[in-house]
Amino acid sequence: MSDYTKLAEQYIAVWNETDPAARRALIDEVWSADGRYIDPLVEVAGREQLDAVVAAAQAQFAGMRFRLGDTVEGHHDQARFTWELGPDGTEAIVVGFDVAQWDADGRLALVLGFLDKVPAR
């Protein structure tokens, strides 16, 4: 397993951790203190704001899990990967593509998210 894959797996683990204390501990481990997350729906900076975004996504998509896509590619201090969100064992209702960059300490510094498939409103 590459460091790029490990980073992507840790990132997905944050989105799947539903215990607030465990999630925050994982965020503190994986994300830089001033890390930024940007997707079409939200832009946040810092661990506290990131935690709030993850909690909100979990509330909106209760009972669903994020899954890492098949391929993680990376070079230098950045990686790109796809992910899915949906109930276990069924087709994903949301599919996305993220580009992640990490800092000199190996923590996430920036994630740029793109939504390729979203539920119809």
PDB file of N, CA and C in Angstrom:
ATOM      1  N   MET A   1       0.852  -1.180   0.000  1.00  0.00           N
ATOM      2  CA  MET A   1       0.000   0.000   0.000  1.00  0.00           C
ATOM      3  C   MET A   1       0.895   1.240   0.000  1.00  0.00           C
ATOM      4  N   SER A   2       0.563   2.185  -0.851  1.00  0.00           N
ATOM      5  CA  SER A   2       1.341   3.413  -0.930  1.00  0.00           C
ATOM      6  C   SER A   2       0.943   4.385   0.171  1.00  0.00           C
ATOM      7  N   ASP A   3       1.800   5.358   0.416  1.00  0.00           N
ATOM      8  CA  ASP A   3       1.450   6.424   1.355  1.00  0.00           C
ATOM      9  C   ASP A   3       0.233   7.183   0.854  1.00  0.00           C
ATOM     10  N   TYR A   4       0.077   7.289  -0.465  1.00  0.00           N
ATOM     11  CA  TYR A   4      -1.080   7.981  -1.029  1.00  0.00           C
ATOM     12  C   TYR A   4      -2.368   7.238  -0.678  1.00  0.00           C
ATOM     13  N   THR A   5      -2.345   5.932  -0.790  1.00  0.00           N
ATOM     14  CA  THR A   5      -3.523   5.130  -0.448  1.00  0.00           C
ATOM     15  C   THR A   5      -3.814   5.226   1.041  1.00  0.00           C
ATOM     16  N   LYS A   6      -2.790   5.165   1.864  1.00  0.00           N
ATOM     17  CA  LYS A   6      -2.975   5.290   3.306  1.00  0.00           C
ATOM     18  C   LYS A   6      -3.621   6.625   3.651  1.00  0.00           C
ATOM     19  N   LEU A   7      -3.148   7.692   3.037  1.00  0.00           N
ATOM     20  CA  LEU A   7      -3.719   9.012   3.285  1.00  0.00           C
ATOM     21  C   LEU A   7      -5.200   9.041   2.892  1.00  0.00           C
ATOM     22  N   ALA A   8      -5.526   8.495   1.721  1.00  0.00           N
ATOM     23  CA  ALA A   8      -6.915   8.473   1.269  1.00  0.00           C
ATOM     24  C   ALA A   8      -7.784   7.634   2.203  1.00  0.00           C
ATOM     25  N   GLU A   9      -7.264   6.518   2.685  1.00  0.00           N
ATOM     26  CA  GLU A   9      -8.020   5.680   3.619  1.00  0.00           C
ATOM     27  C   GLU A   9      -8.273   6.400   4.940  1.00  0.00           C
ATOM     28  N   GLN A  10      -7.275   7.122   5.437  1.00  0.00           N
ATOM     29  CA  GLN A  10      -7.467   7.886   6.671  1.00  0.00           C
ATOM     30  C   GLN A  10      -8.511   8.975   6.471  1.00  0.00           C
ATOM     31  N   TYR A  11      -8.473   9.619   5.334  1.00  0.00           N
ATOM     32  CA  TYR A  11      -9.442  10.664   5.000  1.00  0.00           C
ATOM     33  C   TYR A  11     -10.860  10.098   5.005  1.00  0.00           C
ATOM     34  N   ILE A  12     -11.061   8.966   4.345  1.00  0.00           N
ATOM     35  CA  ILE A  12     -12.377   8.318   4.300  1.00  0.00           C
ATOM     36  C   ILE A  12     -12.798   7.883   5.708  1.00  0.00           C
ATOM     37  N   ALA A  13     -11.851   7.408   6.507  1.00  0.00           N
ATOM     38  CA  ALA A  13     -12.166   6.984   7.879  1.00  0.00           C
ATOM     39  C   ALA A  13     -12.743   8.133   8.695  1.00  0.00           C
ATOM     40  N   VAL A  14     -12.243   9.345   8.483  1.00  0.00           N
ATOM     41  CA  VAL A  14     -12.793  10.513   9.182  1.00  0.00           C
ATOM     42  C   VAL A  14     -14.273  10.657   8.859  1.00  0.00           C
ATOM     43  N   TRP A  15     -14.638  10.550   7.589  1.00  0.00           N
ATOM     44  CA  TRP A  15     -16.031  10.732   7.167  1.00  0.00           C
ATOM     45  C   TRP A  15     -16.940   9.625   7.678  1.00  0.00           C
ATOM     46  N   ASN A  16     -16.374   8.464   7.993  1.00  0.00           N
ATOM     47  CA  ASN A  16     -17.181   7.333   8.474  1.00  0.00           C
ATOM     48  C   ASN A  16     -17.247   7.225   9.995  1.00  0.00           C
ATOM     49  N   GLU A  17     -16.424   7.952  10.703  1.00  0.00           N
ATOM     50  CA  GLU A  17     -16.397   7.834  12.168  1.00  0.00           C
ATOM     51  C   GLU A  17     -17.567   8.607  12.768  1.00  0.00           C
ATOM     52  N   THR A  18     -18.496   7.882  13.381  1.00  0.00           N
ATOM     53  CA  THR A  18     -19.707   8.517  13.914  1.00  0.00           C
ATOM     54  C   THR A  18     -19.605   8.885  15.391  1.00  0.00           C
ATOM     55  N   ASP A  19     -18.656   8.323  16.107  1.00  0.00           N
ATOM     56  CA  ASP A  19     -18.473   8.714  17.504  1.00  0.00           C
ATOM     57  C   ASP A  19     -17.766  10.071  17.528  1.00  0.00           C
ATOM     58  N   PRO A  20     -18.406  11.109  18.092  1.00  0.00           N
ATOM     59  CA  PRO A  20     -17.828  12.454  18.022  1.00  0.00           C
ATOM     60  C   PRO A  20     -16.411  12.564  18.593  1.00  0.00           C
ATOM     61  N   ALA A  21     -16.146  11.938  19.717  1.00  0.00           N
ATOM     62  CA  ALA A  21     -14.807  12.035  20.318  1.00  0.00           C
ATOM     63  C   ALA A  21     -13.768  11.303  19.475  1.00  0.00           C
ATOM     64  N   ALA A  22     -14.119  10.125  18.987  1.00  0.00           N
ATOM     65  CA  ALA A  22     -13.196   9.358  18.146  1.00  0.00           C
ATOM     66  C   ALA A  22     -12.961  10.070  16.818  1.00  0.00           C
ATOM     67  N   ARG A  23     -14.029  10.662  16.263  1.00  0.00           N
ATOM     68  CA  ARG A  23     -13.891  11.399  15.003  1.00  0.00           C
ATOM     69  C   ARG A  23     -12.950  12.586  15.187  1.00  0.00           C
ATOM     70  N   ARG A  24     -13.141  13.329  16.267  1.00  0.00           N
ATOM     71  CA  ARG A  24     -12.284  14.495  16.506  1.00  0.00           C
ATOM     72  C   ARG A  24     -10.831  14.073  16.715  1.00  0.00           C
ATOM     73  N   ALA A  25     -10.603  12.967  17.406  1.00  0.00           N
ATOM     74  CA  ALA A  25      -9.236  12.473  17.588  1.00  0.00           C
ATOM     75  C   ALA A  25      -8.613  12.100  16.245  1.00  0.00           C
ATOM     76  N   LEU A  26      -9.401  11.482  15.379  1.00  0.00           N
ATOM     77  CA  LEU A  26      -8.911  11.120  14.051  1.00  0.00           C
ATOM     78  C   LEU A  26      -8.626  12.366  13.215  1.00  0.00           C
ATOM     79  N   ILE A  27      -9.504  13.354  13.292  1.00  0.00           N
ATOM     80  CA  ILE A  27      -9.270  14.618  12.583  1.00  0.00           C
ATOM     81  C   ILE A  27      -7.973  15.255  13.070  1.00  0.00           C
ATOM     82  N   ASP A  28      -7.757  15.268  14.383  1.00  0.00           N
ATOM     83  CA  ASP A  28      -6.535  15.853  14.935  1.00  0.00           C
ATOM     84  C   ASP A  28      -5.291  15.109  14.460  1.00  0.00           C
ATOM     85  N   GLU A  29      -5.426  13.813  14.243  1.00  0.00           N
ATOM     86  CA  GLU A  29      -4.306  13.000  13.778  1.00  0.00           C
ATOM     87  C   GLU A  29      -4.043  13.197  12.285  1.00  0.00           C
ATOM     88  N   VAL A  30      -5.096  13.285  11.498  1.00  0.00           N
ATOM     89  CA  VAL A  30      -4.978  13.260  10.038  1.00  0.00           C
ATOM     90  C   VAL A  30      -4.853  14.648   9.419  1.00  0.00           C
ATOM     91  N   TRP A  31      -5.505  15.660   9.995  1.00  0.00           N
ATOM     92  CA  TRP A  31      -5.567  16.994   9.394  1.00  0.00           C
ATOM     93  C   TRP A  31      -4.620  17.969  10.086  1.00  0.00           C
ATOM     94  N   SER A  32      -4.028  18.872   9.319  1.00  0.00           N
ATOM     95  CA  SER A  32      -3.256  19.963   9.909  1.00  0.00           C
ATOM     96  C   SER A  32      -4.217  20.900  10.633  1.00  0.00           C
ATOM     97  N   ALA A  33      -3.715  21.651  11.586  1.00  0.00           N
ATOM     98  CA  ALA A  33      -4.566  22.517  12.406  1.00  0.00           C
ATOM     99  C   ALA A  33      -5.350  23.519  11.576  1.00  0.00           C
ATOM    100  N   ASP A  34      -4.764  24.011  10.508  1.00  0.00           N
ATOM    101  CA  ASP A  34      -5.436  24.999   9.657  1.00  0.00           C
ATOM    102  C   ASP A  34      -5.838  24.417   8.307  1.00  0.00           C
ATOM    103  N   GLY A  35      -6.003  23.080   8.254  1.00  0.00           N
ATOM    104  CA  GLY A  35      -6.383  22.416   7.016  1.00  0.00           C
ATOM    105  C   GLY A  35      -7.673  22.977   6.435  1.00  0.00           C
ATOM    106  N   ARG A  36      -7.750  22.960   5.101  1.00  0.00           N
ATOM    107  CA  ARG A  36      -8.925  23.494   4.400  1.00  0.00           C
ATOM    108  C   ARG A  36      -9.603  22.393   3.606  1.00  0.00           C
ATOM    109  N   TYR A  37     -10.933  22.451   3.578  1.00  0.00           N
ATOM    110  CA  TYR A  37     -11.756  21.543   2.781  1.00  0.00           C
ATOM    111  C   TYR A  37     -12.698  22.389   1.947  1.00  0.00           C
ATOM    112  N   ILE A  38     -12.702  22.139   0.638  1.00  0.00           N
ATOM    113  CA  ILE A  38     -13.539  22.916  -0.271  1.00  0.00           C
ATOM    114  C   ILE A  38     -14.221  21.952  -1.243  1.00  0.00           C
ATOM    115  N   ASP A  39     -15.544  22.025  -1.317  1.00  0.00           N
ATOM    116  CA  ASP A  39     -16.294  21.310  -2.351  1.00  0.00           C
ATOM    117  C   ASP A  39     -17.388  22.251  -2.854  1.00  0.00           C
ATOM    118  N   PRO A  40     -18.230  21.831  -3.800  1.00  0.00           N
ATOM    119  CA  PRO A  40     -19.234  22.745  -4.340  1.00  0.00           C
ATOM    120  C   PRO A  40     -20.240  23.275  -3.319  1.00  0.00           C
ATOM    121  N   LEU A  41     -20.359  22.609  -2.173  1.00  0.00           N
ATOM    122  CA  LEU A  41     -21.371  22.982  -1.186  1.00  0.00           C
ATOM    123  C   LEU A  41     -20.830  23.720   0.031  1.00  0.00           C
ATOM    124  N   VAL A  42     -19.531  23.629   0.279  1.00  0.00           N
ATOM    125  CA  VAL A  42     -18.982  24.180   1.517  1.00  0.00           C
ATOM    126  C   VAL A  42     -17.499  24.499   1.358  1.00  0.00           C
ATOM    127  N   GLU A  43     -17.053  25.475   2.135  1.00  0.00           N
ATOM    128  CA  GLU A  43     -15.633  25.794   2.246  1.00  0.00           C
ATOM    129  C   GLU A  43     -15.348  26.057   3.717  1.00  0.00           C
ATOM    130  N   VAL A  44     -14.467  25.250   4.306  1.00  0.00           N
ATOM    131  CA  VAL A  44     -14.139  25.403   5.720  1.00  0.00           C
ATOM    132  C   VAL A  44     -12.633  25.355   5.923  1.00  0.00           C
ATOM    133  N   ALA A  45     -12.211  25.896   7.064  1.00  0.00           N
ATOM    134  CA  ALA A  45     -10.804  25.866   7.448  1.00  0.00           C
ATOM    135  C   ALA A  45     -10.717  25.525   8.928  1.00  0.00           C
ATOM    136  N   GLY A  46      -9.768  24.695   9.271  1.00  0.00           N
ATOM    137  CA  GLY A  46      -9.552  24.316  10.659  1.00  0.00           C
ATOM    138  C   GLY A  46     -10.295  23.054  11.045  1.00  0.00           C
ATOM    139  N   ARG A  47      -9.773  22.405  12.054  1.00  0.00           N
ATOM    140  CA  ARG A  47     -10.307  21.111  12.483  1.00  0.00           C
ATOM    141  C   ARG A  47     -11.726  21.210  13.026  1.00  0.00           C
ATOM    142  N   GLU A  48     -12.034  22.262  13.733  1.00  0.00           N
ATOM    143  CA  GLU A  48     -13.371  22.406  14.319  1.00  0.00           C
ATOM    144  C   GLU A  48     -14.435  22.522  13.224  1.00  0.00           C
ATOM    145  N   GLN A  49     -14.175  23.361  12.225  1.00  0.00           N
ATOM    146  CA  GLN A  49     -15.137  23.528  11.129  1.00  0.00           C
ATOM    147  C   GLN A  49     -15.251  22.248  10.314  1.00  0.00           C
ATOM    148  N   LEU A  50     -14.137  21.570  10.098  1.00  0.00           N
ATOM    149  CA  LEU A  50     -14.176  20.305   9.366  1.00  0.00           C
ATOM    150  C   LEU A  50     -15.022  19.285  10.109  1.00  0.00           C
ATOM    151  N   ASP A  51     -14.838  19.195  11.410  1.00  0.00           N
ATOM    152  CA  ASP A  51     -15.620  18.269  12.228  1.00  0.00           C
ATOM    153  C   ASP A  51     -17.111  18.559  12.085  1.00  0.00           C
ATOM    154  N   ALA A  52     -17.476  19.831  12.083  1.00  0.00           N
ATOM    155  CA  ALA A  52     -18.887  20.207  11.939  1.00  0.00           C
ATOM    156  C   ALA A  52     -19.443  19.787  10.582  1.00  0.00           C
ATOM    157  N   VAL A  53     -18.657  19.926   9.527  1.00  0.00           N
ATOM    158  CA  VAL A  53     -19.095  19.532   8.184  1.00  0.00           C
ATOM    159  C   VAL A  53     -19.301  18.024   8.110  1.00  0.00           C
ATOM    160  N   VAL A  54     -18.374  17.274   8.672  1.00  0.00           N
ATOM    161  CA  VAL A  54     -18.497  15.814   8.657  1.00  0.00           C
ATOM    162  C   VAL A  54     -19.735  15.384   9.453  1.00  0.00           C
ATOM    163  N   ALA A  55     -19.944  15.976  10.613  1.00  0.00           N
ATOM    164  CA  ALA A  55     -21.127  15.636  11.426  1.00  0.00           C
ATOM    165  C   ALA A  55     -22.412  15.952  10.674  1.00  0.00           C
ATOM    166  N   ALA A  56     -22.444  17.069   9.968  1.00  0.00           N
ATOM    167  CA  ALA A  56     -23.630  17.441   9.198  1.00  0.00           C
ATOM    168  C   ALA A  56     -23.881  16.453   8.058  1.00  0.00           C
ATOM    169  N   ALA A  57     -22.826  16.028   7.386  1.00  0.00           N
ATOM    170  CA  ALA A  57     -22.975  15.045   6.300  1.00  0.00           C
ATOM    171  C   ALA A  57     -23.484  13.719   6.846  1.00  0.00           C
ATOM    172  N   GLN A  58     -22.979  13.329   8.006  1.00  0.00           N
ATOM    173  CA  GLN A  58     -23.443  12.082   8.613  1.00  0.00           C
ATOM    174  C   GLN A  58     -24.917  12.169   8.992  1.00  0.00           C
ATOM    175  N   ALA A  59     -25.352  13.317   9.470  1.00  0.00           N
ATOM    176  CA  ALA A  59     -26.766  13.496   9.820  1.00  0.00           C
ATOM    177  C   ALA A  59     -27.636  13.460   8.568  1.00  0.00           C
ATOM    178  N   GLN A  60     -27.167  14.082   7.500  1.00  0.00           N
ATOM    179  CA  GLN A  60     -27.935  14.128   6.256  1.00  0.00           C
ATOM    180  C   GLN A  60     -28.031  12.754   5.606  1.00  0.00           C
ATOM    181  N   PHE A  61     -26.967  11.980   5.700  1.00  0.00           N
ATOM    182  CA  PHE A  61     -26.912  10.663   5.055  1.00  0.00           C
ATOM    183  C   PHE A  61     -26.779   9.557   6.098  1.00  0.00           C
ATOM    184  N   ALA A  62     -27.631   9.613   7.094  1.00  0.00           N
ATOM    185  CA  ALA A  62     -27.573   8.660   8.207  1.00  0.00           C
ATOM    186  C   ALA A  62     -27.614   7.220   7.709  1.00  0.00           C
ATOM    187  N   GLY A  63     -26.757   6.388   8.294  1.00  0.00           N
ATOM    188  CA  GLY A  63     -26.718   4.970   7.955  1.00  0.00           C
ATOM    189  C   GLY A  63     -25.934   4.641   6.703  1.00  0.00           C
ATOM    190  N   MET A  64     -25.397   5.645   6.038  1.00  0.00           N
ATOM    191  CA  MET A  64     -24.620   5.415   4.821  1.00  0.00           C
ATOM    192  C   MET A  64     -23.135   5.524   5.130  1.00  0.00           C
ATOM    193  N   ARG A  65     -22.334   4.912   4.271  1.00  0.00           N
ATOM    194  CA  ARG A  65     -20.886   4.897   4.477  1.00  0.00           C
ATOM    195  C   ARG A  65     -20.163   5.363   3.222  1.00  0.00           C
ATOM    196  N   PHE A  66     -19.035   5.999   3.473  1.00  0.00           N
ATOM    197  CA  PHE A  66     -18.140   6.374   2.386  1.00  0.00           C
ATOM    198  C   PHE A  66     -17.247   5.184   2.062  1.00  0.00           C
ATOM    199  N   ARG A  67     -16.973   5.012   0.767  1.00  0.00           N
ATOM    200  CA  ARG A  67     -16.081   3.948   0.307  1.00  0.00           C
ATOM    201  C   ARG A  67     -15.069   4.564  -0.641  1.00  0.00           C
ATOM    202  N   LEU A  68     -13.821   4.178  -0.487  1.00  0.00           N
ATOM    203  CA  LEU A  68     -12.761   4.643  -1.360  1.00  0.00           C
ATOM    204  C   LEU A  68     -12.887   3.952  -2.714  1.00  0.00           C
ATOM    205  N   GLY A  69     -12.691   4.706  -3.787  1.00  0.00           N
ATOM    206  CA  GLY A  69     -12.722   4.132  -5.135  1.00  0.00           C
ATOM    207  C   GLY A  69     -11.541   3.202  -5.370  1.00  0.00           C
ATOM    208  N   ASP A  70     -11.452   2.686  -6.589  1.00  0.00           N
ATOM    209  CA  ASP A  70     -10.451   1.678  -6.918  1.00  0.00           C
ATOM    210  C   ASP A  70      -9.022   2.201  -6.994  1.00  0.00           C
ATOM    211  N   THR A  71      -8.836   3.418  -7.475  1.00  0.00           N
ATOM    212  CA  THR A  71      -7.492   3.896  -7.754  1.00  0.00           C
ATOM    213  C   THR A  71      -7.177   5.161  -6.978  1.00  0.00           C
ATOM    214  N   VAL A  72      -6.027   5.152  -6.334  1.00  0.00           N
ATOM    215  CA  VAL A  72      -5.486   6.343  -5.698  1.00  0.00           C
ATOM    216  C   VAL A  72      -4.177   6.638  -6.424  1.00  0.00           C
ATOM    217  N   GLU A  73      -4.067   7.825  -6.974  1.00  0.00           N
ATOM    218  CA  GLU A  73      -2.845   8.227  -7.669  1.00  0.00           C
ATOM    219  C   GLU A  73      -2.244   9.418  -6.959  1.00  0.00           C
ATOM    220  N   GLY A  74      -0.934   9.482  -6.931  1.00  0.00           N
ATOM    221  CA  GLY A  74      -0.300  10.606  -6.271  1.00  0.00           C
ATOM    222  C   GLY A  74       1.089  10.884  -6.789  1.00  0.00           C
ATOM    223  N   HIS A  75       1.530  12.064  -6.505  1.00  0.00           N
ATOM    224  CA  HIS A  75       2.920  12.459  -6.716  1.00  0.00           C
ATOM    225  C   HIS A  75       3.204  13.646  -5.817  1.00  0.00           C
ATOM    226  N   HIS A  76       4.461  13.805  -5.473  1.00  0.00           N
ATOM    227  CA  HIS A  76       4.903  14.852  -4.563  1.00  0.00           C
ATOM    228  C   HIS A  76       4.066  14.803  -3.284  1.00  0.00           C
ATOM    229  N   ASP A  77       3.392  15.862  -2.962  1.00  0.00           N
ATOM    230  CA  ASP A  77       2.612  15.915  -1.717  1.00  0.00           C
ATOM    231  C   ASP A  77       1.118  15.973  -1.992  1.00  0.00           C
ATOM    232  N   GLN A  78       0.682  15.311  -3.060  1.00  0.00           N
ATOM    233  CA  GLN A  78      -0.734  15.360  -3.418  1.00  0.00           C
ATOM    234  C   GLN A  78      -1.204  14.026  -3.983  1.00  0.00           C
ATOM    235  N   ALA A  79      -2.499  13.797  -3.843  1.00  0.00           N
ATOM    236  CA  ALA A  79      -3.111  12.573  -4.348  1.00  0.00           C
ATOM    237  C   ALA A  79      -4.505  12.884  -4.867  1.00  0.00           C
ATOM    238  N   ARG A  80      -4.962  12.046  -5.765  1.00  0.00           N
ATOM    239  CA  ARG A  80      -6.340  12.143  -6.250  1.00  0.00           C
ATOM    240  C   ARG A  80      -6.972  10.765  -6.160  1.00  0.00           C
ATOM    241  N   PHE A  81      -8.269  10.776  -5.880  1.00  0.00           N
ATOM    242  CA  PHE A  81      -8.979   9.509  -5.709  1.00  0.00           C
ATOM    243  C   PHE A  81     -10.474   9.749  -5.834  1.00  0.00           C
ATOM    244  N   THR A  82     -11.194   8.678  -6.125  1.00  0.00           N
ATOM    245  CA  THR A  82     -12.649   8.737  -6.150  1.00  0.00           C
ATOM    246  C   THR A  82     -13.184   8.082  -4.889  1.00  0.00           C
ATOM    247  N   TRP A  83     -14.424   8.412  -4.577  1.00  0.00           N
ATOM    248  CA  TRP A  83     -15.096   7.841  -3.424  1.00  0.00           C
ATOM    249  C   TRP A  83     -16.585   7.729  -3.742  1.00  0.00           C
ATOM    250  N   GLU A  84     -17.254   6.914  -2.959  1.00  0.00           N
ATOM    251  CA  GLU A  84     -18.696   6.725  -3.092  1.00  0.00           C
ATOM    252  C   GLU A  84     -19.335   6.826  -1.717  1.00  0.00           C
ATOM    253  N   LEU A  85     -20.612   7.171  -1.701  1.00  0.00           N
ATOM    254  CA  LEU A  85     -21.390   7.214  -0.467  1.00  0.00           C
ATOM    255  C   LEU A  85     -22.708   6.515  -0.718  1.00  0.00           C
ATOM    256  N   GLY A  86     -23.028   5.574   0.159  1.00  0.00           N
ATOM    257  CA  GLY A  86     -24.301   4.884   0.045  1.00  0.00           C
ATOM    258  C   GLY A  86     -24.432   3.827   1.119  1.00  0.00           C
ATOM    259  N   PRO A  87     -25.585   3.186   1.181  1.00  0.00           N
ATOM    260  CA  PRO A  87     -25.768   2.084   2.131  1.00  0.00           C
ATOM    261  C   PRO A  87     -24.839   0.932   1.760  1.00  0.00           C
ATOM    262  N   ASP A  88     -24.339   0.220   2.756  1.00  0.00           N
ATOM    263  CA  ASP A  88     -23.482  -0.941   2.487  1.00  0.00           C
ATOM    264  C   ASP A  88     -24.195  -1.930   1.572  1.00  0.00           C
ATOM    265  N   GLY A  89     -23.451  -2.456   0.606  1.00  0.00           N
ATOM    266  CA  GLY A  89     -23.970  -3.494  -0.274  1.00  0.00           C
ATOM    267  C   GLY A  89     -24.886  -3.019  -1.381  1.00  0.00           C
ATOM    268  N   THR A  90     -25.040  -1.700  -1.551  1.00  0.00           N
ATOM    269  CA  THR A  90     -25.899  -1.188  -2.616  1.00  0.00           C
ATOM    270  C   THR A  90     -25.140  -0.150  -3.442  1.00  0.00           C
ATOM    271  N   GLU A  91     -25.758   0.238  -4.528  1.00  0.00           N
ATOM    272  CA  GLU A  91     -25.161   1.253  -5.389  1.00  0.00           C
ATOM    273  C   GLU A  91     -25.076   2.585  -4.645  1.00  0.00           C
ATOM    274  N   ALA A  92     -23.989   3.291  -4.894  1.00  0.00           N
ATOM    275  CA  ALA A  92     -23.780   4.588  -4.247  1.00  0.00           C
ATOM    276  C   ALA A  92     -24.791   5.603  -4.753  1.00  0.00           C
ATOM    277  N   ILE A  93     -25.235   6.470  -3.857  1.00  0.00           N
ATOM    278  CA  ILE A  93     -26.128   7.559  -4.277  1.00  0.00           C
ATOM    279  C   ILE A  93     -25.344   8.838  -4.558  1.00  0.00           C
ATOM    280  N   VAL A  94     -24.120   8.925  -4.004  1.00  0.00           N
ATOM    281  CA  VAL A  94     -23.232  10.060  -4.265  1.00  0.00           C
ATOM    282  C   VAL A  94     -21.869   9.503  -4.660  1.00  0.00           C
ATOM    283  N   VAL A  95     -21.274  10.090  -5.694  1.00  0.00           N
ATOM    284  CA  VAL A  95     -19.932   9.724  -6.132  1.00  0.00           C
ATOM    285  C   VAL A  95     -19.139  11.006  -6.284  1.00  0.00           C
ATOM    286  N   GLY A  96     -17.914  10.979  -5.807  1.00  0.00           N
ATOM    287  CA  GLY A  96     -17.094  12.181  -5.887  1.00  0.00           C
ATOM    288  C   GLY A  96     -15.657  11.873  -6.238  1.00  0.00           C
ATOM    289  N   PHE A  97     -14.927  12.938  -6.467  1.00  0.00           N
ATOM    290  CA  PHE A  97     -13.517  12.896  -6.840  1.00  0.00           C
ATOM    291  C   PHE A  97     -12.820  13.969  -6.022  1.00  0.00           C
ATOM    292  N   ASP A  98     -11.794  13.602  -5.289  1.00  0.00           N
ATOM    293  CA  ASP A  98     -11.089  14.566  -4.450  1.00  0.00           C
ATOM    294  C   ASP A  98      -9.612  14.628  -4.804  1.00  0.00           C
ATOM    295  N   VAL A  99      -9.055  15.797  -4.604  1.00  0.00           N
ATOM    296  CA  VAL A  99      -7.617  16.005  -4.696  1.00  0.00           C
ATOM    297  C   VAL A  99      -7.166  16.458  -3.312  1.00  0.00           C
ATOM    298  N   ALA A 100      -6.208  15.749  -2.744  1.00  0.00           N
ATOM    299  CA  ALA A 100      -5.727  16.044  -1.395  1.00  0.00           C
ATOM    300  C   ALA A 100      -4.258  16.429  -1.432  1.00  0.00           C
ATOM    301  N   GLN A 101      -3.924  17.396  -0.604  1.00  0.00           N
ATOM    302  CA  GLN A 101      -2.528  17.819  -0.464  1.00  0.00           C
ATOM    303  C   GLN A 101      -2.185  17.783   1.013  1.00  0.00           C
ATOM    304  N   TRP A 102      -0.986  17.315   1.335  1.00  0.00           N
ATOM    305  CA  TRP A 102      -0.611  17.280   2.730  1.00  0.00           C
ATOM    306  C   TRP A 102       0.611  18.142   2.993  1.00  0.00           C
ATOM    307  N   ASP A 103       0.802  18.442   4.290  1.00  0.00           N
ATOM    308  CA  ASP A 103       1.879  19.332   4.707  1.00  0.00           C
ATOM    309  C   ASP A 103       3.156  18.541   4.987  1.00  0.00           C
ATOM    310  N   ALA A 104       4.187  19.227   5.446  1.00  0.00           N
ATOM    311  CA  ALA A 104       5.479  18.605   5.711  1.00  0.00           C
ATOM    312  C   ALA A 104       5.416  17.560   6.826  1.00  0.00           C
ATOM    313  N   ASP A 105       4.396  17.634   7.686  1.00  0.00           N
ATOM    314  CA  ASP A 105       4.225  16.661   8.760  1.00  0.00           C
ATOM    315  C   ASP A 105       3.392  15.457   8.342  1.00  0.00           C
ATOM    316  N   GLY A 106       2.967  15.424   7.077  1.00  0.00           N
ATOM    317  CA  GLY A 106       2.168  14.309   6.580  1.00  0.00           C
ATOM    318  C   GLY A 106       0.694  14.400   6.903  1.00  0.00           C
ATOM    319  N   ARG A 107       0.226  15.576   7.322  1.00  0.00           N
ATOM    320  CA  ARG A 107      -1.196  15.776   7.616  1.00  0.00           C
ATOM    321  C   ARG A 107      -1.866  16.481   6.448  1.00  0.00           C
ATOM    322  N   LEU A 108      -3.148  16.237   6.298  1.00  0.00           N
ATOM    323  CA  LEU A 108      -3.901  16.896   5.237  1.00  0.00           C
ATOM    324  C   LEU A 108      -3.908  18.403   5.446  1.00  0.00           C
ATOM    325  N   ALA A 109      -3.560  19.119   4.389  1.00  0.00           N
ATOM    326  CA  ALA A 109      -3.545  20.584   4.431  1.00  0.00           C
ATOM    327  C   ALA A 109      -4.673  21.164   3.592  1.00  0.00           C
ATOM    328  N   LEU A 110      -5.053  20.451   2.535  1.00  0.00           N
ATOM    329  CA  LEU A 110      -6.093  20.933   1.620  1.00  0.00           C
ATOM    330  C   LEU A 110      -6.733  19.760   0.912  1.00  0.00           C
ATOM    331  N   VAL A 111      -8.066  19.757   0.874  1.00  0.00           N
ATOM    332  CA  VAL A 111      -8.806  18.792   0.058  1.00  0.00           C
ATOM    333  C   VAL A 111      -9.780  19.573  -0.794  1.00  0.00           C
ATOM    334  N   LEU A 112      -9.695  19.330  -2.096  1.00  0.00           N
ATOM    335  CA  LEU A 112     -10.618  19.928  -3.066  1.00  0.00           C
ATOM    336  C   LEU A 112     -11.534  18.821  -3.554  1.00  0.00           C
ATOM    337  N   GLY A 113     -12.827  18.963  -3.298  1.00  0.00           N
ATOM    338  CA  GLY A 113     -13.792  17.929  -3.624  1.00  0.00           C
ATOM    339  C   GLY A 113     -14.672  18.300  -4.802  1.00  0.00           C
ATOM    340  N   PHE A 114     -14.992  17.304  -5.609  1.00  0.00           N
ATOM    341  CA  PHE A 114     -15.888  17.461  -6.752  1.00  0.00           C
ATOM    342  C   PHE A 114     -16.955  16.383  -6.654  1.00  0.00           C
ATOM    343  N   LEU A 115     -18.197  16.761  -6.959  1.00  0.00           N
ATOM    344  CA  LEU A 115     -19.317  15.827  -6.899  1.00  0.00           C
ATOM    345  C   LEU A 115     -19.688  15.408  -8.314  1.00  0.00           C
ATOM    346  N   ASP A 116     -19.522  14.122  -8.613  1.00  0.00           N
ATOM    347  CA  ASP A 116     -19.804  13.600  -9.947  1.00  0.00           C
ATOM    348  C   ASP A 116     -21.238  13.066 -10.073  1.00  0.00           C
ATOM    349  N   LYS A 117     -21.786  12.600  -8.962  1.00  0.00           N
ATOM    350  CA  LYS A 117     -23.145  12.076  -8.957  1.00  0.00           C
ATOM    351  C   LYS A 117     -23.795  12.478  -7.645  1.00  0.00           C
ATOM    352  N   VAL A 118     -24.947  13.109  -7.716  1.00  0.00           N
ATOM    353  CA  VAL A 118     -25.680  13.515  -6.517  1.00  0.00           C
ATOM    354  C   VAL A 118     -27.145  13.114  -6.685  1.00  0.00           C
ATOM    355  N   PRO A 119     -27.840  12.908  -5.565  1.00  0.00           N
ATOM    356  CA  PRO A 119     -29.267  12.547  -5.663  1.00  0.00           C
ATOM    357  C   PRO A 119     -30.075  13.688  -6.288  1.00  0.00           C
ATOM    358  N   ALA A 120     -31.074  13.315  -7.030  1.00  0.00           N
ATOM    359  CA  ALA A 120     -31.994  14.306  -7.586  1.00  0.00           C
ATOM    360  C   ALA A 120     -32.772  14.948  -6.444  1.00  0.00           C
ATOM    361  N   ARG A 121     -33.013  16.223  -6.563  1.00  0.00           N
ATOM    362  CA  ARG A 121     -33.731  16.929  -5.492  1.00  0.00           C
ATOM    363  C   ARG A 121     -35.199  16.950  -5.744  1.00  0.00           C
TER     364      ARG A 121
END
